[in-house]
């Protein structure tokens, strides 16, 4: 069973992937694959943030009910 990563862990992973493009390890042969991985990770982060935003909205509604 894989451990679910937190949003912060995913952002750190994305930063590492972006940093690769500026590193000495950069390779045109790998660039497309790395780019696709970064895009997929960014979309996952965006989805997680949207879910978190929805949860916060629900909680806010619960607290404002009286």
N, C-alpha and C. Protein backbone atom coordinates (compact mmCIF):
# COMPACT_ATOMS: atom_id res chain seq x y z
N UNK A 1 0.85 -1.18 0.00
CA UNK A 1 0.00 0.00 0.00
C UNK A 1 0.89 1.24 0.00
N UNK A 2 0.62 2.19 -0.91
CA UNK A 2 1.44 3.39 -0.97
C UNK A 2 0.88 4.45 -0.04
N UNK A 3 1.80 5.20 0.52
CA UNK A 3 1.42 6.27 1.44
C UNK A 3 0.99 7.49 0.63
N UNK A 4 -0.12 8.10 1.02
CA UNK A 4 -0.60 9.27 0.33
C UNK A 4 0.25 10.47 0.72
N UNK A 5 0.72 11.20 -0.28
CA UNK A 5 1.58 12.35 -0.04
C UNK A 5 0.72 13.57 0.31
N UNK A 6 1.27 14.41 1.17
CA UNK A 6 0.59 15.66 1.51
C UNK A 6 0.79 16.66 0.37
N UNK A 7 0.01 17.72 0.40
CA UNK A 7 0.15 18.76 -0.62
C UNK A 7 1.56 19.34 -0.56
N UNK A 8 2.07 19.57 0.65
CA UNK A 8 3.43 20.11 0.77
C UNK A 8 4.47 19.18 0.17
N UNK A 9 4.32 17.89 0.37
CA UNK A 9 5.26 16.92 -0.21
C UNK A 9 5.18 16.94 -1.73
N UNK A 10 3.98 17.05 -2.25
CA UNK A 10 3.81 17.11 -3.70
C UNK A 10 4.41 18.38 -4.28
N UNK A 11 4.24 19.50 -3.59
CA UNK A 11 4.82 20.76 -4.05
C UNK A 11 6.34 20.67 -4.04
N UNK A 12 6.90 20.07 -3.00
CA UNK A 12 8.36 19.89 -2.93
C UNK A 12 8.84 19.01 -4.07
N UNK A 13 8.10 17.95 -4.37
CA UNK A 13 8.46 17.08 -5.48
C UNK A 13 8.41 17.84 -6.81
N UNK A 14 7.38 18.67 -6.98
CA UNK A 14 7.26 19.48 -8.19
C UNK A 14 8.43 20.45 -8.30
N UNK A 15 8.80 21.07 -7.19
CA UNK A 15 9.95 21.98 -7.20
C UNK A 15 11.22 21.26 -7.63
N UNK A 16 11.38 20.04 -7.15
CA UNK A 16 12.56 19.25 -7.53
C UNK A 16 12.55 18.94 -9.02
N UNK A 17 11.36 18.64 -9.55
CA UNK A 17 11.26 18.35 -10.98
C UNK A 17 11.58 19.59 -11.81
N UNK A 18 11.10 20.74 -11.37
CA UNK A 18 11.38 21.99 -12.08
C UNK A 18 12.86 22.32 -11.99
N UNK A 19 13.45 22.14 -10.82
CA UNK A 19 14.88 22.40 -10.64
C UNK A 19 15.73 21.56 -11.58
N UNK A 20 15.27 20.35 -11.89
CA UNK A 20 16.02 19.47 -12.79
C UNK A 20 16.28 20.16 -14.13
N UNK A 21 15.31 20.94 -14.61
CA UNK A 21 15.46 21.61 -15.90
C UNK A 21 16.59 22.64 -15.88
N UNK A 22 16.95 23.12 -14.71
CA UNK A 22 18.00 24.12 -14.58
C UNK A 22 19.32 23.51 -14.10
N UNK A 23 19.35 22.21 -13.93
CA UNK A 23 20.53 21.54 -13.39
C UNK A 23 21.45 21.05 -14.50
N UNK A 24 22.60 20.59 -14.07
CA UNK A 24 23.57 20.00 -15.01
C UNK A 24 23.11 18.63 -15.49
N UNK A 25 22.12 18.06 -14.84
CA UNK A 25 21.59 16.75 -15.23
C UNK A 25 20.61 16.84 -16.40
N UNK A 26 20.23 18.05 -16.78
CA UNK A 26 19.25 18.26 -17.86
C UNK A 26 19.70 17.54 -19.12
N UNK A 27 18.73 16.89 -19.76
CA UNK A 27 18.97 16.18 -21.01
C UNK A 27 17.75 16.35 -21.89
N UNK A 28 17.98 16.73 -23.15
CA UNK A 28 16.86 16.88 -24.08
C UNK A 28 16.10 15.58 -24.25
N UNK A 29 16.81 14.46 -24.18
CA UNK A 29 16.17 13.16 -24.34
C UNK A 29 15.16 12.89 -23.23
N UNK A 30 15.42 13.38 -22.04
CA UNK A 30 14.54 13.15 -20.90
C UNK A 30 13.55 14.29 -20.67
N UNK A 31 13.75 15.42 -21.32
CA UNK A 31 12.96 16.62 -21.05
C UNK A 31 11.45 16.40 -21.22
N UNK A 32 11.06 15.74 -22.28
CA UNK A 32 9.63 15.53 -22.52
C UNK A 32 8.99 14.70 -21.42
N UNK A 33 9.66 13.64 -21.03
CA UNK A 33 9.15 12.78 -19.98
C UNK A 33 9.05 13.54 -18.66
N UNK A 34 10.11 14.26 -18.32
CA UNK A 34 10.13 15.03 -17.06
C UNK A 34 9.05 16.11 -17.08
N UNK A 35 8.86 16.74 -18.23
CA UNK A 35 7.84 17.78 -18.35
C UNK A 35 6.45 17.19 -18.12
N UNK A 36 6.17 16.05 -18.74
CA UNK A 36 4.87 15.40 -18.57
C UNK A 36 4.63 15.01 -17.11
N UNK A 37 5.68 14.52 -16.44
CA UNK A 37 5.56 14.18 -15.02
C UNK A 37 5.24 15.41 -14.19
N UNK A 38 5.92 16.52 -14.49
CA UNK A 38 5.69 17.76 -13.75
C UNK A 38 4.28 18.29 -13.97
N UNK A 39 3.80 18.21 -15.19
CA UNK A 39 2.44 18.68 -15.50
C UNK A 39 1.41 17.83 -14.76
N UNK A 40 1.60 16.52 -14.78
CA UNK A 40 0.67 15.62 -14.09
C UNK A 40 0.67 15.90 -12.59
N UNK A 41 1.84 16.12 -12.03
CA UNK A 41 1.95 16.43 -10.61
C UNK A 41 1.27 17.76 -10.29
N UNK A 42 1.48 18.76 -11.14
CA UNK A 42 0.86 20.07 -10.93
C UNK A 42 -0.67 19.97 -10.98
N UNK A 43 -1.19 19.17 -11.90
CA UNK A 43 -2.64 18.97 -11.98
C UNK A 43 -3.17 18.29 -10.72
N UNK A 44 -2.42 17.32 -10.21
CA UNK A 44 -2.80 16.65 -8.98
C UNK A 44 -2.82 17.61 -7.80
N UNK A 45 -1.83 18.49 -7.73
CA UNK A 45 -1.77 19.49 -6.66
C UNK A 45 -2.96 20.43 -6.78
N UNK A 46 -3.26 20.86 -7.98
CA UNK A 46 -4.40 21.75 -8.21
C UNK A 46 -5.70 21.09 -7.76
N UNK A 47 -5.86 19.82 -8.06
CA UNK A 47 -7.06 19.07 -7.64
C UNK A 47 -7.13 18.99 -6.12
N UNK A 48 -5.99 18.68 -5.49
CA UNK A 48 -5.95 18.62 -4.02
C UNK A 48 -6.33 19.96 -3.40
N UNK A 49 -5.81 21.05 -3.97
CA UNK A 49 -6.11 22.38 -3.45
C UNK A 49 -7.59 22.73 -3.63
N UNK A 50 -8.16 22.33 -4.76
CA UNK A 50 -9.60 22.56 -4.98
C UNK A 50 -10.43 21.79 -3.95
N UNK A 51 -10.05 20.55 -3.68
CA UNK A 51 -10.75 19.75 -2.68
C UNK A 51 -10.64 20.39 -1.29
N UNK A 52 -9.45 20.88 -0.97
CA UNK A 52 -9.24 21.54 0.31
C UNK A 52 -10.08 22.81 0.41
N UNK A 53 -10.15 23.55 -0.67
CA UNK A 53 -10.95 24.77 -0.70
C UNK A 53 -12.43 24.43 -0.45
N UNK A 54 -12.91 23.35 -1.07
CA UNK A 54 -14.30 22.94 -0.88
C UNK A 54 -14.56 22.53 0.57
N UNK A 55 -13.61 21.80 1.16
CA UNK A 55 -13.75 21.41 2.57
C UNK A 55 -13.81 22.63 3.48
N UNK A 56 -12.97 23.60 3.21
CA UNK A 56 -12.96 24.82 4.02
C UNK A 56 -14.28 25.56 3.88
N UNK A 57 -14.82 25.62 2.67
CA UNK A 57 -16.11 26.28 2.45
C UNK A 57 -17.21 25.60 3.24
N UNK A 58 -17.20 24.27 3.25
CA UNK A 58 -18.21 23.52 4.00
C UNK A 58 -18.08 23.79 5.49
N UNK A 59 -16.86 23.78 5.98
CA UNK A 59 -16.63 24.05 7.41
C UNK A 59 -17.07 25.46 7.76
N UNK A 60 -16.78 26.41 6.91
CA UNK A 60 -17.18 27.81 7.17
C UNK A 60 -18.71 27.91 7.25
N UNK A 61 -19.40 27.21 6.37
CA UNK A 61 -20.86 27.25 6.39
C UNK A 61 -21.38 26.66 7.70
N UNK A 62 -20.76 25.58 8.16
CA UNK A 62 -21.17 24.96 9.43
C UNK A 62 -20.98 25.91 10.60
N UNK A 63 -19.91 26.69 10.59
CA UNK A 63 -19.64 27.59 11.70
C UNK A 63 -20.52 28.85 11.65
N UNK A 64 -20.97 29.22 10.46
CA UNK A 64 -21.78 30.42 10.37
C UNK A 64 -23.26 30.16 10.57
N UNK A 65 -23.65 28.89 10.65
CA UNK A 65 -25.05 28.55 10.93
C UNK A 65 -25.35 28.83 12.39
N UNK A 66 -26.49 29.39 12.60
CA UNK A 66 -26.92 29.57 14.00
C UNK A 66 -28.40 29.65 14.09
